[in-house]
């Protein structure tokens, strides 16, 4: 029997969906874009006057292969440029393209995922001043993968530039972003499968602080205080945003079968496997009675 629901039946991260997305070809990029846009919309509704939030290019890079390396080879573009005639319009002139490319040259393989950037308008003008950036971490940008060092460099530049940075990490199958954080993957004591890091580098990176929050497989996703300019801040209920993301797209619901264990179930600690099994038993009894 397949048991699905239009709403997420876990109090926080859904382990079925989350484990599926972290597989090779599991669709993490699509979920990432969907969730980031939901975060941007939610923040924008709740920000103080004179602030706004938009989804923009991330500090991260996308990897398209299992080994996080590109197998592309350099090719010479097949390009033809035409200039339409001036004067009498002929059929040839109307139909002649301005530019012709080999189809492969239209593939945007340098695409980066999205992040949320909060701006404060200055003098009523747009775009104003960037204040805070929110990143939803992707597997290719966490250790030990190829783009990890690239992300660390961009991260450092962002913080040294004075921007606040919120990093959201739902990826329990990879090591934590920072070396000083306990690793769930390695079975470290006090480690959590999911993390949120709120970095405020003001007045400078020596005095500013990074607050690190962890939560478990059966915990609600915490409400976080997102720092803005000066003493301004906005509360972000990431749990509500996650539930909205899950409910809004049928695809995420179709990837969850509460009659089965999550894929790669052994990627969870023995304790958390027991917690997930208990939660699944309760879900089956409450919404799928025999």
C-alpha atoms as a PDB file:
ATOM      1  CA  UNK A   1       0.000   0.000   0.000  1.00  0.00           C
ATOM      2  CA  UNK A   2       1.240   3.484  -0.898  1.00  0.00           C
ATOM      3  CA  UNK A   3       0.499   6.048   1.791  1.00  0.00           C
ATOM      4  CA  UNK A   4       0.858   9.685   0.827  1.00  0.00           C
ATOM      5  CA  UNK A   5      -0.422  12.991   2.115  1.00  0.00           C
ATOM      6  CA  UNK A   6      -0.821  16.473   0.642  1.00  0.00           C
ATOM      7  CA  UNK A   7       0.827  17.857   3.776  1.00  0.00           C
ATOM      8  CA  UNK A   8       4.100  16.992   5.485  1.00  0.00           C
ATOM      9  CA  UNK A   9       3.335  14.638   8.375  1.00  0.00           C
ATOM     10  CA  UNK A  10       6.648  15.225  10.147  1.00  0.00           C
ATOM     11  CA  UNK A  11       6.991  18.225  12.493  1.00  0.00           C
ATOM     12  CA  UNK A  12      10.043  19.471  10.584  1.00  0.00           C
ATOM     13  CA  UNK A  13      12.223  18.097   7.809  1.00  0.00           C
ATOM     14  CA  UNK A  14      10.533  15.191   6.027  1.00  0.00           C
ATOM     15  CA  UNK A  15      13.174  12.397   6.019  1.00  0.00           C
ATOM     16  CA  UNK A  16      11.655  10.633   2.997  1.00  0.00           C
ATOM     17  CA  UNK A  17      11.806  13.729   0.819  1.00  0.00           C
ATOM     18  CA  UNK A  18      15.121  14.967   2.204  1.00  0.00           C
ATOM     19  CA  UNK A  19      16.893  11.627   1.747  1.00  0.00           C
ATOM     20  CA  UNK A  20      15.526  11.227  -1.773  1.00  0.00           C
ATOM     21  CA  UNK A  21      16.679  14.716  -2.794  1.00  0.00           C
ATOM     22  CA  UNK A  22      20.253  14.070  -1.611  1.00  0.00           C
ATOM     23  CA  UNK A  23      20.670  11.078  -3.917  1.00  0.00           C
ATOM     24  CA  UNK A  24      22.447  11.529  -7.215  1.00  0.00           C
ATOM     25  CA  UNK A  25      19.785  12.831  -9.598  1.00  0.00           C
ATOM     26  CA  UNK A  26      17.326  13.202  -6.726  1.00  0.00           C
ATOM     27  CA  UNK A  27      16.164  16.677  -7.709  1.00  0.00           C
ATOM     28  CA  UNK A  28      17.880  18.817  -5.074  1.00  0.00           C
ATOM     29  CA  UNK A  29      18.289  21.754  -7.499  1.00  0.00           C
ATOM     30  CA  UNK A  30      14.532  21.916  -8.154  1.00  0.00           C
ATOM     31  CA  UNK A  31      13.689  21.780  -4.449  1.00  0.00           C
ATOM     32  CA  UNK A  32      16.392  24.361  -3.721  1.00  0.00           C
ATOM     33  CA  UNK A  33      14.871  26.864  -6.160  1.00  0.00           C
ATOM     34  CA  UNK A  34      11.337  26.203  -4.910  1.00  0.00           C
ATOM     35  CA  UNK A  35      12.262  26.597  -1.234  1.00  0.00           C
ATOM     36  CA  UNK A  36      14.415  29.684  -1.771  1.00  0.00           C
ATOM     37  CA  UNK A  37      11.608  31.465  -3.618  1.00  0.00           C
ATOM     38  CA  UNK A  38       9.204  30.581  -0.808  1.00  0.00           C
ATOM     39  CA  UNK A  39      11.672  32.000   1.742  1.00  0.00           C
ATOM     40  CA  UNK A  40      11.988  35.214  -0.291  1.00  0.00           C
ATOM     41  CA  UNK A  41       8.201  35.662  -0.515  1.00  0.00           C
ATOM     42  CA  UNK A  42       7.701  35.011   3.196  1.00  0.00           C
ATOM     43  CA  UNK A  43      10.463  37.388   4.237  1.00  0.00           C
ATOM     44  CA  UNK A  44       9.248  40.107   1.905  1.00  0.00           C
ATOM     45  CA  UNK A  45       5.794  40.046   3.536  1.00  0.00           C
ATOM     46  CA  UNK A  46       7.231  40.449   7.030  1.00  0.00           C
ATOM     47  CA  UNK A  47      10.146  42.836   6.567  1.00  0.00           C
ATOM     48  CA  UNK A  48      10.001  46.314   8.117  1.00  0.00           C
ATOM     49  CA  UNK A  49       9.233  49.269   5.878  1.00  0.00           C
ATOM     50  CA  UNK A  50      12.087  50.293   3.592  1.00  0.00           C
ATOM     51  CA  UNK A  51      13.346  46.688   3.221  1.00  0.00           C
ATOM     52  CA  UNK A  52      12.595  44.125   0.552  1.00  0.00           C
ATOM     53  CA  UNK A  53      13.758  40.581  -0.250  1.00  0.00           C
ATOM     54  CA  UNK A  54      14.503  39.060  -3.659  1.00  0.00           C
ATOM     55  CA  UNK A  55      15.911  35.787  -4.980  1.00  0.00           C
ATOM     56  CA  UNK A  56      19.287  36.383  -6.620  1.00  0.00           C
ATOM     57  CA  UNK A  57      22.328  34.437  -7.779  1.00  0.00           C
ATOM     58  CA  UNK A  58      23.834  32.362  -4.989  1.00  0.00           C
ATOM     59  CA  UNK A  59      27.426  32.291  -3.756  1.00  0.00           C
ATOM     60  CA  UNK A  60      27.304  28.575  -4.547  1.00  0.00           C
ATOM     61  CA  UNK A  61      27.908  26.617  -7.728  1.00  0.00           C
ATOM     62  CA  UNK A  62      25.941  23.705  -9.167  1.00  0.00           C
ATOM     63  CA  UNK A  63      27.603  20.375  -9.898  1.00  0.00           C
ATOM     64  CA  UNK A  64      26.096  18.297 -12.693  1.00  0.00           C
ATOM     65  CA  UNK A  65      27.938  15.005 -12.164  1.00  0.00           C
ATOM     66  CA  UNK A  66      28.203  12.446  -9.379  1.00  0.00           C
ATOM     67  CA  UNK A  67      31.879  13.225  -8.842  1.00  0.00           C
ATOM     68  CA  UNK A  68      31.150  16.958  -8.888  1.00  0.00           C
ATOM     69  CA  UNK A  69      33.430  17.503 -11.854  1.00  0.00           C
ATOM     70  CA  UNK A  70      32.514  18.595 -15.339  1.00  0.00           C
ATOM     71  CA  UNK A  71      33.082  16.297 -18.284  1.00  0.00           C
ATOM     72  CA  UNK A  72      32.463  19.014 -20.823  1.00  0.00           C
ATOM     73  CA  UNK A  73      35.012  19.497 -23.562  1.00  0.00           C
ATOM     74  CA  UNK A  74      35.773  22.798 -25.213  1.00  0.00           C
ATOM     75  CA  UNK A  75      34.146  23.230 -28.609  1.00  0.00           C
ATOM     76  CA  UNK A  76      34.299  25.923 -31.239  1.00  0.00           C
ATOM     77  CA  UNK A  77      30.899  27.613 -31.388  1.00  0.00           C
ATOM     78  CA  UNK A  78      28.991  27.180 -34.630  1.00  0.00           C
ATOM     79  CA  UNK A  79      27.841  30.773 -35.017  1.00  0.00           C
ATOM     80  CA  UNK A  80      26.457  32.657 -37.992  1.00  0.00           C
ATOM     81  CA  UNK A  81      25.574  36.342 -37.845  1.00  0.00           C
ATOM     82  CA  UNK A  82      23.274  37.939 -40.412  1.00  0.00           C
ATOM     83  CA  UNK A  83      22.307  41.507 -41.155  1.00  0.00           C
ATOM     84  CA  UNK A  84      18.887  41.989 -42.641  1.00  0.00           C
ATOM     85  CA  UNK A  85      18.681  44.164 -45.707  1.00  0.00           C
ATOM     86  CA  UNK A  86      17.561  47.779 -45.630  1.00  0.00           C
ATOM     87  CA  UNK A  87      14.863  48.950 -48.010  1.00  0.00           C
ATOM     88  CA  UNK A  88      12.357  46.683 -49.677  1.00  0.00           C
ATOM     89  CA  UNK A  89      11.393  43.796 -47.418  1.00  0.00           C
ATOM     90  CA  UNK A  90      11.775  40.388 -48.995  1.00  0.00           C
ATOM     91  CA  UNK A  91      10.856  37.021 -47.534  1.00  0.00           C
ATOM     92  CA  UNK A  92      14.532  36.216 -47.109  1.00  0.00           C
ATOM     93  CA  UNK A  93      15.128  39.417 -45.160  1.00  0.00           C
ATOM     94  CA  UNK A  94      12.181  38.793 -42.831  1.00  0.00           C
ATOM     95  CA  UNK A  95      13.204  35.239 -42.014  1.00  0.00           C
ATOM     96  CA  UNK A  96      16.963  35.721 -41.756  1.00  0.00           C
ATOM     97  CA  UNK A  97      18.118  35.255 -38.143  1.00  0.00           C
ATOM     98  CA  UNK A  98      20.382  37.757 -36.475  1.00  0.00           C
ATOM     99  CA  UNK A  99      22.307  34.977 -34.719  1.00  0.00           C
ATOM    100  CA  UNK A 100      22.524  31.212 -35.124  1.00  0.00           C
ATOM    101  CA  UNK A 101      24.094  28.989 -32.467  1.00  0.00           C
ATOM    102  CA  UNK A 102      24.710  25.294 -32.141  1.00  0.00           C
ATOM    103  CA  UNK A 103      22.024  24.059 -29.724  1.00  0.00           C
ATOM    104  CA  UNK A 104      24.721  22.970 -27.249  1.00  0.00           C
ATOM    105  CA  UNK A 105      25.907  26.561 -27.021  1.00  0.00           C
ATOM    106  CA  UNK A 106      22.540  27.558 -25.552  1.00  0.00           C
ATOM    107  CA  UNK A 107      23.062  25.297 -22.518  1.00  0.00           C
ATOM    108  CA  UNK A 108      23.808  27.478 -19.499  1.00  0.00           C
ATOM    109  CA  UNK A 109      26.113  25.104 -17.630  1.00  0.00           C
ATOM    110  CA  UNK A 110      27.557  27.931 -15.556  1.00  0.00           C
ATOM    111  CA  UNK A 111      24.206  28.499 -13.874  1.00  0.00           C
ATOM    112  CA  UNK A 112      24.292  29.002 -10.128  1.00  0.00           C
ATOM    113  CA  UNK A 113      21.460  28.315  -7.689  1.00  0.00           C
ATOM    114  CA  UNK A 114      19.444  31.056  -6.035  1.00  0.00           C
ATOM    115  CA  UNK A 115      19.837  32.739  -2.663  1.00  0.00           C
ATOM    116  CA  UNK A 116      17.781  35.403  -0.891  1.00  0.00           C
ATOM    117  CA  UNK A 117      19.172  38.916  -0.530  1.00  0.00           C
ATOM    118  CA  UNK A 118      17.517  41.519   1.690  1.00  0.00           C
ATOM    119  CA  UNK A 119      17.980  45.139   0.629  1.00  0.00           C
ATOM    120  CA  UNK A 120      17.343  48.408   2.424  1.00  0.00           C
ATOM    121  CA  UNK A 121      16.185  51.145   0.087  1.00  0.00           C
ATOM    122  CA  UNK A 122      18.192  54.344   0.289  1.00  0.00           C
ATOM    123  CA  UNK A 123      16.458  57.573  -0.620  1.00  0.00           C
ATOM    124  CA  UNK A 124      13.535  55.583  -1.972  1.00  0.00           C
ATOM    125  CA  UNK A 125      15.684  54.207  -4.785  1.00  0.00           C
ATOM    126  CA  UNK A 126      16.147  50.636  -5.943  1.00  0.00           C
ATOM    127  CA  UNK A 127      18.160  48.476  -5.528  1.00  0.00           C
ATOM    128  CA  UNK A 128      19.387  50.244  -2.401  1.00  0.00           C
ATOM    129  CA  UNK A 129      21.928  48.621  -0.070  1.00  0.00           C
ATOM    130  CA  UNK A 130      22.293  44.835   0.369  1.00  0.00           C
ATOM    131  CA  UNK A 131      22.063  44.018   4.082  1.00  0.00           C
ATOM    132  CA  UNK A 132      21.557  40.286   4.588  1.00  0.00           C
ATOM    133  CA  UNK A 133      22.024  37.179   2.460  1.00  0.00           C
ATOM    134  CA  UNK A 134      20.354  33.797   3.059  1.00  0.00           C
ATOM    135  CA  UNK A 135      21.897  30.663   1.528  1.00  0.00           C
ATOM    136  CA  UNK A 136      20.315  27.213   1.366  1.00  0.00           C
ATOM    137  CA  UNK A 137      23.386  24.983   1.195  1.00  0.00           C
ATOM    138  CA  UNK A 138      23.703  22.477  -1.658  1.00  0.00           C
ATOM    139  CA  UNK A 139      25.663  19.196  -1.528  1.00  0.00           C
ATOM    140  CA  UNK A 140      28.343  20.308  -4.000  1.00  0.00           C
ATOM    141  CA  UNK A 141      29.282  23.250  -1.786  1.00  0.00           C
ATOM    142  CA  UNK A 142      29.891  21.298   1.411  1.00  0.00           C
ATOM    143  CA  UNK A 143      33.023  19.342   2.354  1.00  0.00           C
ATOM    144  CA  UNK A 144      34.628  17.425   0.788  1.00  0.00           C
ATOM    145  CA  UNK A 145      33.098  18.274  -2.587  1.00  0.00           C
ATOM    146  CA  UNK A 146      34.668  20.272  -5.393  1.00  0.00           C
ATOM    147  CA  UNK A 147      32.980  23.637  -4.834  1.00  0.00           C
ATOM    148  CA  UNK A 148      33.479  23.731  -1.064  1.00  0.00           C
ATOM    149  CA  UNK A 149      36.603  25.915  -1.156  1.00  0.00           C
ATOM    150  CA  UNK A 150      34.970  28.226  -3.698  1.00  0.00           C
ATOM    151  CA  UNK A 151      31.995  28.685  -1.388  1.00  0.00           C
ATOM    152  CA  UNK A 152      34.232  29.311   1.643  1.00  0.00           C
ATOM    153  CA  UNK A 153      36.051  32.043  -0.268  1.00  0.00           C
ATOM    154  CA  UNK A 154      32.799  33.728  -1.330  1.00  0.00           C
ATOM    155  CA  UNK A 155      31.478  33.333   2.204  1.00  0.00           C
ATOM    156  CA  UNK A 156      34.529  35.061   3.669  1.00  0.00           C
ATOM    157  CA  UNK A 157      34.291  37.899   1.142  1.00  0.00           C
ATOM    158  CA  UNK A 158      30.618  38.373   2.004  1.00  0.00           C
ATOM    159  CA  UNK A 159      31.230  38.574   5.739  1.00  0.00           C
ATOM    160  CA  UNK A 160      34.320  40.760   5.410  1.00  0.00           C
ATOM    161  CA  UNK A 161      32.206  43.064   3.255  1.00  0.00           C
ATOM    162  CA  UNK A 162      29.860  43.570   6.228  1.00  0.00           C
ATOM    163  CA  UNK A 163      26.849  41.605   4.978  1.00  0.00           C
ATOM    164  CA  UNK A 164      24.945  39.438   7.413  1.00  0.00           C
ATOM    165  CA  UNK A 165      24.744  35.836   6.272  1.00  0.00           C
ATOM    166  CA  UNK A 166      22.244  33.122   7.197  1.00  0.00           C
ATOM    167  CA  UNK A 167      23.206  29.590   6.114  1.00  0.00           C
ATOM    168  CA  UNK A 168      20.542  26.867   6.117  1.00  0.00           C
ATOM    169  CA  UNK A 169      21.794  23.273   6.016  1.00  0.00           C
ATOM    170  CA  UNK A 170      19.345  20.367   5.617  1.00  0.00           C
ATOM    171  CA  UNK A 171      22.058  17.997   4.340  1.00  0.00           C
ATOM    172  CA  UNK A 172      22.664  15.273   6.926  1.00  0.00           C
ATOM    173  CA  UNK A 173      24.659  13.066   4.510  1.00  0.00           C
ATOM    174  CA  UNK A 174      27.578  15.524   4.269  1.00  0.00           C
ATOM    175  CA  UNK A 175      29.971  16.969   6.822  1.00  0.00           C
ATOM    176  CA  UNK A 176      29.053  20.289   8.472  1.00  0.00           C
ATOM    177  CA  UNK A 177      30.143  23.510   6.829  1.00  0.00           C
ATOM    178  CA  UNK A 178      32.534  24.611   9.586  1.00  0.00           C
ATOM    179  CA  UNK A 179      35.345  22.518  11.066  1.00  0.00           C
ATOM    180  CA  UNK A 180      34.433  23.459  14.637  1.00  0.00           C
ATOM    181  CA  UNK A 181      30.939  22.004  14.276  1.00  0.00           C
ATOM    182  CA  UNK A 182      30.370  18.369  15.380  1.00  0.00           C
ATOM    183  CA  UNK A 183      29.766  16.023  12.453  1.00  0.00           C
ATOM    184  CA  UNK A 184      26.568  13.979  12.314  1.00  0.00           C
ATOM    185  CA  UNK A 185      28.060  11.980   9.456  1.00  0.00           C
ATOM    186  CA  UNK A 186      31.003  10.957  11.662  1.00  0.00           C
ATOM    187  CA  UNK A 187      28.795  10.187  14.659  1.00  0.00           C
ATOM    188  CA  UNK A 188      30.203  13.001  16.798  1.00  0.00           C
ATOM    189  CA  UNK A 189      28.607  13.653  20.157  1.00  0.00           C
ATOM    190  CA  UNK A 190      26.178  16.603  20.234  1.00  0.00           C
ATOM    191  CA  UNK A 191      25.940  16.626  16.420  1.00  0.00           C
ATOM    192  CA  UNK A 192      22.646  17.373  14.692  1.00  0.00           C
ATOM    193  CA  UNK A 193      21.535  16.294  11.226  1.00  0.00           C
ATOM    194  CA  UNK A 194      20.354  19.824  10.367  1.00  0.00           C
ATOM    195  CA  UNK A 195      21.904  23.221  11.064  1.00  0.00           C
ATOM    196  CA  UNK A 196      21.262  26.937  10.721  1.00  0.00           C
ATOM    197  CA  UNK A 197      24.128  29.429  11.062  1.00  0.00           C
ATOM    198  CA  UNK A 198      23.300  33.112  11.603  1.00  0.00           C
ATOM    199  CA  UNK A 199      26.395  35.251  10.993  1.00  0.00           C
ATOM    200  CA  UNK A 200      26.494  38.924  11.970  1.00  0.00           C
ATOM    201  CA  UNK A 201      29.944  40.399  11.184  1.00  0.00           C
ATOM    202  CA  UNK A 202      29.179  43.844  12.629  1.00  0.00           C
ATOM    203  CA  UNK A 203      30.976  45.903  13.723  1.00  0.00           C
ATOM    204  CA  UNK A 204      33.729  43.663  12.317  1.00  0.00           C
ATOM    205  CA  UNK A 205      34.518  39.975  11.953  1.00  0.00           C
ATOM    206  CA  UNK A 206      36.602  39.873  15.158  1.00  0.00           C
ATOM    207  CA  UNK A 207      33.777  41.126  17.359  1.00  0.00           C
ATOM    208  CA  UNK A 208      30.764  39.965  15.361  1.00  0.00           C
ATOM    209  CA  UNK A 209      29.296  36.566  16.191  1.00  0.00           C
ATOM    210  CA  UNK A 210      28.058  33.456  14.419  1.00  0.00           C
ATOM    211  CA  UNK A 211      25.147  31.756  16.167  1.00  0.00           C
ATOM    212  CA  UNK A 212      24.797  28.063  15.306  1.00  0.00           C
ATOM    213  CA  UNK A 213      21.485  26.246  15.781  1.00  0.00           C
ATOM    214  CA  UNK A 214      20.961  22.497  15.409  1.00  0.00           C
ATOM    215  CA  UNK A 215      17.751  20.463  15.227  1.00  0.00           C
ATOM    216  CA  UNK A 216      16.852  16.822  14.887  1.00  0.00           C
ATOM    217  CA  UNK A 217      14.833  14.486  12.696  1.00  0.00           C
ATOM    218  CA  UNK A 218      11.678  14.824  14.810  1.00  0.00           C
ATOM    219  CA  UNK A 219      12.071  18.495  15.754  1.00  0.00           C
ATOM    220  CA  UNK A 220      10.232  21.459  14.344  1.00  0.00           C
ATOM    221  CA  UNK A 221      12.432  23.703  12.215  1.00  0.00           C
ATOM    222  CA  UNK A 222      13.246  26.664  14.472  1.00  0.00           C
ATOM    223  CA  UNK A 223      12.056  30.208  14.066  1.00  0.00           C
ATOM    224  CA  UNK A 224      15.156  32.330  13.538  1.00  0.00           C
ATOM    225  CA  UNK A 225      15.930  35.993  14.042  1.00  0.00           C
ATOM    226  CA  UNK A 226      17.320  37.349  10.768  1.00  0.00           C
ATOM    227  CA  UNK A 227      19.556  40.375  11.424  1.00  0.00           C
ATOM    228  CA  UNK A 228      19.066  43.495   9.332  1.00  0.00           C
ATOM    229  CA  UNK A 229      20.736  46.927   9.495  1.00  0.00           C
ATOM    230  CA  UNK A 230      21.700  48.256  12.933  1.00  0.00           C
ATOM    231  CA  UNK A 231      19.310  46.752  15.517  1.00  0.00           C
ATOM    232  CA  UNK A 232      16.598  45.881  12.997  1.00  0.00           C
ATOM    233  CA  UNK A 233      15.623  42.235  12.613  1.00  0.00           C
ATOM    234  CA  UNK A 234      12.854  40.052  11.225  1.00  0.00           C
ATOM    235  CA  UNK A 235      11.623  36.678  12.477  1.00  0.00           C
ATOM    236  CA  UNK A 236      11.565  33.871   9.906  1.00  0.00           C
ATOM    237  CA  UNK A 237       9.474  30.785  10.609  1.00  0.00           C
ATOM    238  CA  UNK A 238      11.400  28.314   8.463  1.00  0.00           C
ATOM    239  CA  UNK A 239       9.120  25.497   9.559  1.00  0.00           C
ATOM    240  CA  UNK A 240       6.109  27.248   8.080  1.00  0.00           C
ATOM    241  CA  UNK A 241       8.048  27.982   4.894  1.00  0.00           C
ATOM    242  CA  UNK A 242       9.103  24.335   4.600  1.00  0.00           C
ATOM    243  CA  UNK A 243       5.504  23.161   5.018  1.00  0.00           C
ATOM    244  CA  UNK A 244       4.372  25.639   2.362  1.00  0.00           C
ATOM    245  CA  UNK A 245       7.061  24.390  -0.002  1.00  0.00           C
ATOM    246  CA  UNK A 246       6.000  20.779   0.563  1.00  0.00           C
ATOM    247  CA  UNK A 247       2.305  21.502   0.066  1.00  0.00           C
ATOM    248  CA  UNK A 248       2.625  23.757  -2.975  1.00  0.00           C
ATOM    249  CA  UNK A 249       4.094  21.200  -5.387  1.00  0.00           C
ATOM    250  CA  UNK A 250       2.676  17.726  -5.986  1.00  0.00           C
ATOM    251  CA  UNK A 251       6.116  16.388  -6.876  1.00  0.00           C
ATOM    252  CA  UNK A 252       7.369  16.628  -3.288  1.00  0.00           C
ATOM    253  CA  UNK A 253       4.277  14.811  -2.021  1.00  0.00           C
ATOM    254  CA  UNK A 254       4.702  12.051  -4.609  1.00  0.00           C
ATOM    255  CA  UNK A 255       8.227  11.323  -3.382  1.00  0.00           C
ATOM    256  CA  UNK A 256       6.976  10.428   0.102  1.00  0.00           C
ATOM    257  CA  UNK A 257       5.456   7.043   0.961  1.00  0.00           C
ATOM    258  CA  UNK A 258       4.762   6.742   4.688  1.00  0.00           C
ATOM    259  CA  UNK A 259       4.403   2.973   4.321  1.00  0.00           C
ATOM    260  CA  UNK A 260       8.137   2.712   3.532  1.00  0.00           C
ATOM    261  CA  UNK A 261      11.356   3.760   5.222  1.00  0.00           C
ATOM    262  CA  UNK A 262      13.308   6.648   3.695  1.00  0.00           C
ATOM    263  CA  UNK A 263      15.890   5.726   1.067  1.00  0.00           C
ATOM    264  CA  UNK A 264      19.430   5.345   2.425  1.00  0.00           C
ATOM    265  CA  UNK A 265      17.903   4.881   5.864  1.00  0.00           C
ATOM    266  CA  UNK A 266      21.292   3.864   7.269  1.00  0.00           C
ATOM    267  CA  UNK A 267      22.570   7.423   6.711  1.00  0.00           C
ATOM    268  CA  UNK A 268      20.722   8.291   9.940  1.00  0.00           C
ATOM    269  CA  UNK A 269      22.137   7.432  13.346  1.00  0.00           C
ATOM    270  CA  UNK A 270      20.778   4.339  15.087  1.00  0.00           C
ATOM    271  CA  UNK A 271      18.940   6.590  17.551  1.00  0.00           C
ATOM    272  CA  UNK A 272      17.351   8.649  14.771  1.00  0.00           C
ATOM    273  CA  UNK A 273      16.346   5.541  12.843  1.00  0.00           C
ATOM    274  CA  UNK A 274      14.334   4.512  15.881  1.00  0.00           C
ATOM    275  CA  UNK A 275      12.798   7.987  16.176  1.00  0.00           C
ATOM    276  CA  UNK A 276      11.784   7.978  12.501  1.00  0.00           C
ATOM    277  CA  UNK A 277      10.249   4.498  12.781  1.00  0.00           C
ATOM    278  CA  UNK A 278       8.225   5.585  15.828  1.00  0.00           C
ATOM    279  CA  UNK A 279       6.980   8.672  14.025  1.00  0.00           C
ATOM    280  CA  UNK A 280       6.031   6.609  10.964  1.00  0.00           C
ATOM    281  CA  UNK A 281       4.073   4.180  13.133  1.00  0.00           C
ATOM    282  CA  UNK A 282       2.150   7.097  14.665  1.00  0.00           C
ATOM    283  CA  UNK A 283       1.478   8.613  11.233  1.00  0.00           C
ATOM    284  CA  UNK A 284       0.113   5.330   9.881  1.00  0.00           C
ATOM    285  CA  UNK A 285      -2.228   4.949  12.824  1.00  0.00           C
ATOM    286  CA  UNK A 286      -3.481   8.541  12.805  1.00  0.00           C
ATOM    287  CA  UNK A 287      -4.104   9.294   9.140  1.00  0.00           C
ATOM    288  CA  UNK A 288      -4.048   5.874   7.471  1.00  0.00           C
ATOM    289  CA  UNK A 289      -6.170   3.656   9.738  1.00  0.00           C
ATOM    290  CA  UNK A 290      -6.757   0.109   8.524  1.00  0.00           C
END
